[in-house]
Amino acid sequence: MLVLHLTLGYTMLGDSLAAEREISTGDYQAAVLDLGLPQKDGLDVLQALRGKKIATPVLVLTARDTVP
């Protein structure tokens, strides 16, 4: 039997500008972005991160019924 114990930490931020800044300067193994963030949507944040050559894996979530 294999038993793994993982301890995961997280940082919750309330808007896209803070998320972009934190992901750009922090040491994160992954990020979760919502398309409905204040200021910029999650895809804009992701595009800005990739433009800065930040390759942190990102999961984009949405409650929208269509994606632009």
C-alpha atoms as a PDB file:
ATOM      1  CA  MET A   1       0.000   0.000   0.000  1.00  0.00           C
ATOM      2  CA  LEU A   2       1.240   3.470  -0.916  1.00  0.00           C
ATOM      3  CA  VAL A   3       0.154   6.369   1.259  1.00  0.00           C
ATOM      4  CA  LEU A   4       1.030   9.922   0.326  1.00  0.00           C
ATOM      5  CA  HIS A   5       0.633  12.914   2.573  1.00  0.00           C
ATOM      6  CA  LEU A   6       0.638  16.225   0.735  1.00  0.00           C
ATOM      7  CA  THR A   7       0.655  19.604   2.356  1.00  0.00           C
ATOM      8  CA  LEU A   8      -0.500  22.262  -0.040  1.00  0.00           C
ATOM      9  CA  GLY A   9      -0.330  25.950   0.578  1.00  0.00           C
ATOM     10  CA  TYR A  10      -2.247  28.556  -1.330  1.00  0.00           C
ATOM     11  CA  THR A  11      -2.561  32.288  -1.781  1.00  0.00           C
ATOM     12  CA  MET A  12      -6.010  33.738  -2.459  1.00  0.00           C
ATOM     13  CA  LEU A  13      -6.136  37.147  -4.118  1.00  0.00           C
ATOM     14  CA  GLY A  14      -9.156  39.301  -4.859  1.00  0.00           C
ATOM     15  CA  ASP A  15      -8.341  40.848  -8.201  1.00  0.00           C
ATOM     16  CA  SER A  16      -6.417  40.277 -11.417  1.00  0.00           C
ATOM     17  CA  LEU A  17      -3.752  42.920 -10.882  1.00  0.00           C
ATOM     18  CA  ALA A  18      -2.755  41.374  -7.557  1.00  0.00           C
ATOM     19  CA  ALA A  19      -2.812  37.906  -9.130  1.00  0.00           C
ATOM     20  CA  GLU A  20      -0.571  38.935 -12.021  1.00  0.00           C
ATOM     21  CA  ARG A  21       1.868  40.658  -9.666  1.00  0.00           C
ATOM     22  CA  GLU A  22       1.982  37.738  -7.210  1.00  0.00           C
ATOM     23  CA  ILE A  23       2.366  35.023  -9.849  1.00  0.00           C
ATOM     24  CA  SER A  24       5.079  37.102 -11.552  1.00  0.00           C
ATOM     25  CA  THR A  25       7.132  37.510  -8.388  1.00  0.00           C
ATOM     26  CA  GLY A  26       6.232  34.412  -6.376  1.00  0.00           C
ATOM     27  CA  ASP A  27       7.468  30.858  -6.559  1.00  0.00           C
ATOM     28  CA  TYR A  28       4.299  28.960  -7.455  1.00  0.00           C
ATOM     29  CA  GLN A  29       3.990  25.444  -8.841  1.00  0.00           C
ATOM     30  CA  ALA A  30       0.576  26.207 -10.360  1.00  0.00           C
ATOM     31  CA  ALA A  31      -2.125  28.881 -10.490  1.00  0.00           C
ATOM     32  CA  VAL A  32      -5.910  28.882 -10.846  1.00  0.00           C
ATOM     33  CA  LEU A  33      -7.432  31.885 -12.605  1.00  0.00           C
ATOM     34  CA  ASP A  34     -11.099  32.787 -12.990  1.00  0.00           C
ATOM     35  CA  LEU A  35     -12.304  34.474 -16.168  1.00  0.00           C
ATOM     36  CA  GLY A  36     -14.484  36.752 -14.023  1.00  0.00           C
ATOM     37  CA  LEU A  37     -11.711  38.593 -12.158  1.00  0.00           C
ATOM     38  CA  PRO A  38     -12.029  42.347 -11.475  1.00  0.00           C
ATOM     39  CA  GLN A  39      -9.916  44.718 -13.657  1.00  0.00           C
ATOM     40  CA  LYS A  40      -8.767  42.112 -16.227  1.00  0.00           C
ATOM     41  CA  ASP A  41     -10.125  38.662 -16.942  1.00  0.00           C
ATOM     42  CA  GLY A  42      -8.118  35.497 -16.326  1.00  0.00           C
ATOM     43  CA  LEU A  43      -7.126  35.128 -19.992  1.00  0.00           C
ATOM     44  CA  ASP A  44      -5.654  38.658 -19.986  1.00  0.00           C
ATOM     45  CA  VAL A  45      -3.636  37.768 -16.881  1.00  0.00           C
ATOM     46  CA  LEU A  46      -2.451  34.545 -18.509  1.00  0.00           C
ATOM     47  CA  GLN A  47      -1.463  36.396 -21.683  1.00  0.00           C
ATOM     48  CA  ALA A  48       0.516  38.943 -19.626  1.00  0.00           C
ATOM     49  CA  LEU A  49       2.295  36.160 -17.715  1.00  0.00           C
ATOM     50  CA  ARG A  50       3.235  34.322 -20.916  1.00  0.00           C
ATOM     51  CA  GLY A  51       4.444  37.628 -22.393  1.00  0.00           C
ATOM     52  CA  LYS A  52       6.840  37.860 -19.427  1.00  0.00           C
ATOM     53  CA  LYS A  53       8.023  34.274 -20.138  1.00  0.00           C
ATOM     54  CA  ILE A  54       6.459  32.986 -16.906  1.00  0.00           C
ATOM     55  CA  ALA A  55       5.651  29.330 -17.547  1.00  0.00           C
ATOM     56  CA  THR A  56       3.758  28.522 -14.332  1.00  0.00           C
ATOM     57  CA  PRO A  57       1.010  25.992 -15.199  1.00  0.00           C
ATOM     58  CA  VAL A  58      -2.406  27.690 -15.085  1.00  0.00           C
ATOM     59  CA  LEU A  59      -5.898  26.232 -14.779  1.00  0.00           C
ATOM     60  CA  VAL A  60      -8.551  28.666 -16.031  1.00  0.00           C
ATOM     61  CA  LEU A  61     -12.035  28.359 -14.523  1.00  0.00           C
ATOM     62  CA  THR A  62     -15.279  29.997 -15.527  1.00  0.00           C
ATOM     63  CA  ALA A  63     -18.982  29.843 -14.820  1.00  0.00           C
ATOM     64  CA  ARG A  64     -19.695  31.367 -18.241  1.00  0.00           C
ATOM     65  CA  ASP A  65     -21.568  29.325 -20.798  1.00  0.00           C
ATOM     66  CA  THR A  66     -19.250  30.484 -23.614  1.00  0.00           C
ATOM     67  CA  VAL A  67     -15.588  31.447 -23.771  1.00  0.00           C
ATOM     68  CA  PRO A  68     -14.400  34.264 -26.074  1.00  0.00           C
END
